[in-house]
Amino acid sequence: MPAIRNVSPYSRNEKIGRLLWSIVQATAFRGSFHTWYGWRAWLLRRFGARLGRNVRVRRTSRFEIPWNLEMGDDVSIGDDAIIYALGPVKIGARSFLSQHAHLCAGSHDHTSPDYPLLRLPIEIGCDCWIAADAFVGPSVKVGDRTVVGARASVFSDLPPDVIAAGNPAKPIKPRVFHGGEAARS
């Protein structure tokens, strides 16, 4: 078997940016008053995150590589949620992640003996809910208006207008709004 080399996939500038962000996140971000959403959005924007209007990010949420993050208007990120944006992460308008939800946009190539890092995208559609403790893995798209149930683990794309649950998450029923009408397309 060939020798395994540990080569970082990150440039010197990316390493410095990640270090600076970790210091800011541990101090000014986490230490902020719980309703200072504008302050935390401002900090994320200073580190390259592209955020819409009225984004609400709780102070206990955690972000890795904010310059890989894009959020639409009126997105909410709950307490202790993790956005592990090794690859691009896009969250559509009016979507929210509940407490302890985890978006993981990175993995390793298990077919190679040195397990190189893969930085794969995640896309959460508009008007979605990623419920408490749910996990969304790399290279996954969650369709518009889809609900991912608590503690579900999503490893493949989910269509729009469904409620998904389980491990691995599967659509269990269509999303129906009050009055019995199905989700709009």
Protein backbone atom coordinates (compact mmCIF):
# COMPACT_ATOMS: atom_id res chain seq x y z
CA MET A 1 0.00 0.00 0.00
CA PRO A 2 1.38 3.47 -0.83
CA ALA A 3 2.39 5.83 1.95
CA ILE A 4 -0.42 8.06 3.17
CA ARG A 5 0.30 11.79 2.99
CA ASN A 6 -1.47 14.31 5.17
CA VAL A 7 -1.85 17.32 2.91
CA SER A 8 -4.25 20.05 3.95
CA PRO A 9 -6.85 20.99 1.33
CA TYR A 10 -6.85 24.54 2.72
CA SER A 11 -4.69 27.44 1.59
CA ARG A 12 -2.71 29.49 4.09
CA ASN A 13 -5.28 32.31 3.83
CA GLU A 14 -8.16 29.88 4.46
CA LYS A 15 -6.39 28.55 7.54
CA ILE A 16 -5.88 32.08 8.85
CA GLY A 17 -9.53 32.95 8.10
CA ARG A 18 -10.75 29.85 9.90
CA LEU A 19 -8.58 30.64 12.92
CA LEU A 20 -9.81 34.25 13.07
CA TRP A 21 -13.43 33.14 12.69
CA SER A 22 -13.05 30.58 15.50
CA ILE A 23 -11.82 33.35 17.82
CA VAL A 24 -14.66 35.72 16.83
CA GLN A 25 -17.26 32.95 17.09
CA ALA A 26 -16.06 31.92 20.56
CA THR A 27 -16.08 35.50 21.88
CA ALA A 28 -18.10 38.23 20.14
CA PHE A 29 -20.62 35.83 18.56
CA ARG A 30 -21.34 33.46 21.45
CA GLY A 31 -20.97 36.16 24.08
CA SER A 32 -23.61 38.39 22.52
CA PHE A 33 -27.02 38.96 24.08
CA HIS A 34 -29.55 36.34 22.90
CA THR A 35 -31.66 38.77 20.80
CA TRP A 36 -28.75 40.49 19.02
CA TYR A 37 -29.54 38.80 15.70
CA GLY A 38 -28.34 41.78 13.66
CA TRP A 39 -24.95 41.71 15.41
CA ARG A 40 -24.41 38.02 14.69
CA ALA A 41 -25.53 38.46 11.07
CA TRP A 42 -23.09 41.35 10.75
CA LEU A 43 -20.24 39.18 12.09
CA LEU A 44 -21.08 36.36 9.67
CA ARG A 45 -21.17 38.83 6.77
CA ARG A 46 -17.73 40.17 7.76
CA PHE A 47 -16.46 36.63 7.22
CA GLY A 48 -18.05 36.30 3.79
CA ALA A 49 -21.47 34.75 4.51
CA ARG A 50 -24.17 35.91 2.09
CA LEU A 51 -27.26 36.53 4.20
CA GLY A 52 -30.71 37.86 3.31
CA ARG A 53 -32.75 40.27 5.38
CA ASN A 54 -34.08 39.47 8.84
CA VAL A 55 -31.89 36.41 9.45
CA ARG A 56 -32.19 35.13 13.02
CA VAL A 57 -29.20 33.16 14.24
CA ARG A 58 -29.02 32.04 17.86
CA ARG A 59 -25.78 32.72 19.71
CA THR A 60 -25.17 29.05 20.53
CA SER A 61 -25.32 27.95 16.88
CA ARG A 62 -21.96 27.06 15.31
CA PHE A 63 -20.62 27.76 11.85
CA GLU A 64 -17.56 26.38 10.11
CA ILE A 65 -16.23 28.39 7.14
CA PRO A 66 -18.91 31.10 6.95
CA TRP A 67 -17.76 32.25 3.50
CA ASN A 68 -19.31 29.02 2.14
CA LEU A 69 -22.73 29.96 3.55
CA GLU A 70 -25.72 31.55 1.81
CA MET A 71 -29.06 32.18 3.55
CA GLY A 72 -32.21 33.77 2.13
CA ASP A 73 -34.51 36.27 3.82
CA ASP A 74 -36.17 35.37 7.14
CA VAL A 75 -34.08 32.24 7.82
CA SER A 76 -33.83 31.11 11.47
CA ILE A 77 -31.05 29.00 12.94
CA GLY A 78 -31.85 27.49 16.35
CA ASP A 79 -29.78 26.94 19.47
CA ASP A 80 -26.82 24.58 19.11
CA ALA A 81 -27.44 24.04 15.39
CA ILE A 82 -24.28 23.20 13.42
CA ILE A 83 -23.64 24.48 9.91
CA TYR A 84 -20.46 22.60 8.93
CA ALA A 85 -19.93 24.41 5.64
CA LEU A 86 -16.79 22.74 4.33
CA GLY A 87 -18.57 22.89 0.98
CA PRO A 88 -21.24 25.39 -0.12
CA VAL A 89 -24.39 25.50 2.03
CA LYS A 90 -27.46 27.31 0.75
CA ILE A 91 -30.59 27.75 2.88
CA GLY A 92 -33.65 29.14 1.11
CA ALA A 93 -35.86 31.97 2.29
CA ARG A 94 -38.17 31.42 5.28
CA SER A 95 -36.57 28.10 6.19
CA PHE A 96 -35.49 27.26 9.68
CA LEU A 97 -33.29 24.82 11.50
CA SER A 98 -34.40 23.78 14.96
CA GLN A 99 -32.12 23.27 17.93
CA HIS A 100 -29.28 20.79 17.43
CA ALA A 101 -29.94 20.38 13.69
CA HIS A 102 -26.74 19.61 11.77
CA LEU A 103 -25.88 20.39 8.15
CA CYS A 104 -22.63 18.62 7.22
CA ALA A 105 -21.19 19.67 3.84
CA GLY A 106 -18.07 17.56 4.03
CA SER A 107 -16.96 13.96 4.03
CA HIS A 108 -13.99 11.82 3.05
CA ASP A 109 -13.43 9.64 0.01
CA HIS A 110 -13.53 6.15 1.50
CA THR A 111 -12.35 4.65 -1.82
CA SER A 112 -8.91 6.21 -1.40
CA PRO A 113 -6.41 4.95 1.19
CA ASP A 114 -5.63 8.49 2.37
CA TYR A 115 -9.31 9.52 2.75
CA PRO A 116 -9.07 12.91 1.01
CA LEU A 117 -11.55 15.55 2.11
CA LEU A 118 -14.64 16.05 -0.04
CA ARG A 119 -16.31 19.46 0.21
CA LEU A 120 -19.77 18.76 -1.16
CA PRO A 121 -22.74 21.16 -1.32
CA ILE A 122 -25.99 21.14 0.62
CA GLU A 123 -29.10 22.97 -0.54
CA ILE A 124 -32.14 23.50 1.65
CA GLY A 125 -35.10 24.87 -0.32
CA CYS A 126 -37.43 27.72 0.61
CA ASP A 127 -40.02 27.32 3.39
CA CYS A 128 -38.39 24.18 4.83
CA TRP A 129 -38.15 23.03 8.41
CA ILE A 130 -35.21 20.93 9.55
CA ALA A 131 -36.47 19.76 12.95
CA ALA A 132 -34.59 19.15 16.20
CA ASP A 133 -31.52 16.90 16.05
CA ALA A 134 -31.95 16.21 12.32
CA PHE A 135 -28.84 15.58 10.23
CA VAL A 136 -28.46 16.54 6.57
CA GLY A 137 -25.40 15.06 4.89
CA PRO A 138 -23.18 16.21 2.05
CA SER A 139 -24.44 16.50 -1.52
CA VAL A 140 -28.10 16.62 -0.45
CA LYS A 141 -30.90 18.83 -1.78
CA VAL A 142 -34.06 19.26 0.28
CA GLY A 143 -36.97 20.44 -1.87
CA ASP A 144 -39.04 23.55 -1.20
CA ARG A 145 -41.61 23.35 1.61
CA THR A 146 -40.27 20.01 2.87
CA VAL A 147 -40.22 19.14 6.57
CA VAL A 148 -37.44 16.90 7.90
CA GLY A 149 -38.63 15.31 11.13
CA ALA A 150 -36.83 15.33 14.46
CA ARG A 151 -33.73 13.13 14.57
CA ALA A 152 -34.04 12.18 10.91
CA SER A 153 -30.84 11.55 8.94
CA VAL A 154 -30.92 12.73 5.33
CA PHE A 155 -28.38 11.13 2.98
CA SER A 156 -30.14 11.59 -0.37
CA ASP A 157 -32.26 14.28 -2.02
CA LEU A 158 -35.80 14.88 -0.80
CA PRO A 159 -38.55 16.15 -3.11
CA PRO A 160 -40.58 19.28 -2.43
CA ASP A 161 -43.81 19.26 -0.39
CA VAL A 162 -43.23 16.18 1.76
CA ILE A 163 -42.69 15.31 5.38
CA ALA A 164 -39.68 13.03 5.75
CA ALA A 165 -38.56 11.02 8.75
CA GLY A 166 -36.32 8.17 9.76
CA ASN A 167 -32.77 6.99 9.30
CA PRO A 168 -32.24 7.15 6.43
CA ALA A 169 -34.94 9.79 5.98
CA LYS A 170 -37.72 8.92 3.53
CA PRO A 171 -40.88 10.83 2.60
CA ILE A 172 -43.67 9.50 4.82
CA LYS A 173 -46.53 11.70 3.62
CA PRO A 174 -47.27 14.82 1.61
CA ARG A 175 -47.20 18.13 3.39
CA VAL A 176 -50.79 19.36 3.80
CA PHE A 177 -51.70 22.86 4.94
CA HIS A 178 -54.64 23.88 7.15
CA GLY A 179 -57.96 23.32 5.41
CA GLY A 180 -56.68 20.11 3.80
CA GLU A 181 -55.10 21.65 0.72
CA ALA A 182 -51.85 20.14 -0.46
CA ALA A 183 -48.67 22.18 -0.58
CA ARG A 184 -48.46 24.56 -3.51
CA SER A 185 -46.09 23.76 -6.33
